[in-house]
Amino acid sequence: MKTFLKYDYFIQLIILIVCIVGAVMHYKDWKFIEFYYGVGGAQLISYLIRLFFKLKQTSEFRVYGLTIMPVWICLLLVDQKIYNEFTMALIGIFLLLSLLYTPIMAILYVYDCYNSYEPYKLRL
């Protein structure tokens, strides 16, 4: 578990830094949206793995799950075309709003990974 936490923290940090640099370089042509999927996909996998570990779930971890999981559910609904006009409007508004808060949540998640790894750092 401590090995996973160590690798998870460093992988999340590297992916976040690479994607921020990439987003800054491609902000004019809207390619920065691809970096949302890069960071979000890696964090979603990490979140689901950490969810099943017997770790103390911090408030940051819970808030991250409550705010990010609906985004992936909305994307899945859009991808599978499971919606009508009303729900599509709600999903669209929700996804546009998530463009604003997901960078903050990504940084919060990396910080939470660091806090989860920190107690084990001294024992390695």
Protein backbone atom coordinates (compact mmCIF):
# COMPACT_ATOMS: atom_id res chain seq x y z
CA MET A 1 0.00 0.00 0.00
CA LYS A 2 2.75 2.46 0.86
CA THR A 3 4.47 1.69 -2.45
CA PHE A 4 1.24 2.43 -4.29
CA LEU A 5 0.81 5.72 -2.41
CA LYS A 6 4.37 6.73 -3.27
CA TYR A 7 4.03 5.94 -6.97
CA ASP A 8 0.52 7.35 -7.11
CA TYR A 9 1.62 10.69 -5.70
CA PHE A 10 4.56 11.04 -8.08
CA ILE A 11 2.57 9.90 -11.12
CA GLN A 12 -0.27 12.31 -10.31
CA LEU A 13 2.17 15.17 -9.79
CA ILE A 14 4.04 14.53 -13.04
CA ILE A 15 0.82 14.17 -15.06
CA LEU A 16 -0.54 17.40 -13.56
CA ILE A 17 2.63 19.35 -14.34
CA VAL A 18 2.90 17.99 -17.89
CA CYS A 19 -0.74 18.73 -18.59
CA ILE A 20 -0.55 22.27 -17.17
CA VAL A 21 2.46 23.00 -19.38
CA GLY A 22 0.66 21.48 -22.37
CA ALA A 23 -2.50 23.45 -21.67
CA VAL A 24 -0.56 26.70 -21.45
CA MET A 25 1.15 25.96 -24.76
CA HIS A 26 -2.13 25.14 -26.56
CA TYR A 27 -4.63 27.50 -24.97
CA LYS A 28 -5.42 29.37 -28.21
CA ASP A 29 -6.70 26.45 -30.26
CA TRP A 30 -8.82 24.75 -27.56
CA LYS A 31 -6.55 21.71 -27.49
CA PHE A 32 -6.13 22.31 -23.77
CA ILE A 33 -9.41 20.43 -23.32
CA GLU A 34 -7.50 17.22 -24.09
CA PHE A 35 -5.44 17.80 -21.00
CA TYR A 36 -8.59 17.69 -18.86
CA TYR A 37 -9.00 14.09 -19.99
CA GLY A 38 -5.33 13.31 -19.32
CA VAL A 39 -5.36 14.56 -15.75
CA GLY A 40 -8.94 13.49 -15.07
CA GLY A 41 -8.51 9.98 -16.43
CA ALA A 42 -5.40 9.32 -14.38
CA GLN A 43 -7.04 10.74 -11.28
CA LEU A 44 -10.21 8.73 -11.84
CA ILE A 45 -8.24 5.48 -11.97
CA SER A 46 -6.26 6.49 -8.90
CA TYR A 47 -9.44 7.53 -7.07
CA LEU A 48 -11.15 4.23 -7.76
CA ILE A 49 -8.11 2.24 -6.60
CA ARG A 50 -7.73 4.32 -3.44
CA LEU A 51 -11.46 4.00 -2.76
CA PHE A 52 -11.03 0.26 -2.18
CA PHE A 53 -7.90 0.55 -0.02
CA LYS A 54 -8.37 0.63 3.71
CA LEU A 55 -7.04 4.17 4.02
CA LYS A 56 -8.50 6.93 6.10
CA GLN A 57 -10.64 8.90 3.67
CA THR A 58 -10.00 12.59 4.14
CA SER A 59 -12.56 15.29 3.54
CA GLU A 60 -10.62 16.36 0.42
CA PHE A 61 -10.89 12.83 -0.93
CA ARG A 62 -14.65 12.75 -0.35
CA VAL A 63 -15.20 16.20 -1.87
CA TYR A 64 -13.16 15.18 -4.90
CA GLY A 65 -15.30 12.10 -5.41
CA LEU A 66 -18.56 13.98 -5.01
CA THR A 67 -17.57 16.64 -7.54
CA ILE A 68 -15.65 14.64 -10.14
CA MET A 69 -17.60 11.41 -10.42
CA PRO A 70 -20.72 13.19 -11.78
CA VAL A 71 -18.59 14.69 -14.55
CA TRP A 72 -17.52 11.24 -15.73
CA ILE A 73 -21.09 9.98 -15.44
CA CYS A 74 -22.31 12.88 -17.61
CA LEU A 75 -19.60 12.18 -20.18
CA LEU A 76 -20.61 8.51 -20.22
CA LEU A 77 -24.27 9.45 -20.73
CA VAL A 78 -23.37 11.74 -23.62
CA ASP A 79 -21.10 9.12 -25.15
CA GLN A 80 -23.79 6.44 -24.95
CA LYS A 81 -26.49 8.88 -26.13
CA ILE A 82 -28.64 8.21 -23.07
CA TYR A 83 -30.44 11.54 -22.74
CA ASN A 84 -33.30 13.69 -23.98
CA GLU A 85 -33.34 17.43 -24.74
CA PHE A 86 -33.94 18.54 -21.16
CA THR A 87 -31.31 16.30 -19.61
CA MET A 88 -28.86 17.24 -22.37
CA ALA A 89 -29.26 20.90 -21.43
CA LEU A 90 -28.60 20.08 -17.77
CA ILE A 91 -25.63 17.90 -18.66
CA GLY A 92 -24.23 20.66 -20.89
CA ILE A 93 -24.53 23.27 -18.14
CA PHE A 94 -22.97 20.91 -15.61
CA LEU A 95 -20.05 20.10 -17.94
CA LEU A 96 -19.42 23.78 -18.68
CA LEU A 97 -19.39 24.59 -14.97
CA SER A 98 -17.04 21.70 -14.35
CA LEU A 99 -14.50 23.32 -16.68
CA LEU A 100 -14.08 25.96 -13.99
CA TYR A 101 -13.75 23.81 -10.89
CA THR A 102 -11.96 20.70 -12.16
CA PRO A 103 -8.49 22.32 -12.25
CA ILE A 104 -8.92 23.26 -8.60
CA MET A 105 -10.11 19.75 -7.79
CA ALA A 106 -7.13 18.25 -9.67
CA ILE A 107 -4.70 20.26 -7.55
CA LEU A 108 -6.64 19.34 -4.40
CA TYR A 109 -6.42 15.66 -5.35
CA VAL A 110 -2.64 15.81 -5.82
CA TYR A 111 -2.38 17.55 -2.46
CA ASP A 112 -4.46 14.79 -0.89
CA CYS A 113 -2.19 12.17 -2.50
CA TYR A 114 0.77 13.95 -0.95
CA ASN A 115 -0.88 14.01 2.49
CA SER A 116 -1.67 10.29 2.19
CA TYR A 117 1.92 9.51 1.22
CA GLU A 118 3.59 11.80 3.79
CA PRO A 119 3.23 9.53 6.88
CA TYR A 120 4.84 6.63 4.99
CA LYS A 121 7.66 8.80 3.63
CA LEU A 122 9.59 8.68 6.88
CA ARG A 123 9.35 4.88 7.07
CA LEU A 124 10.62 4.12 3.56
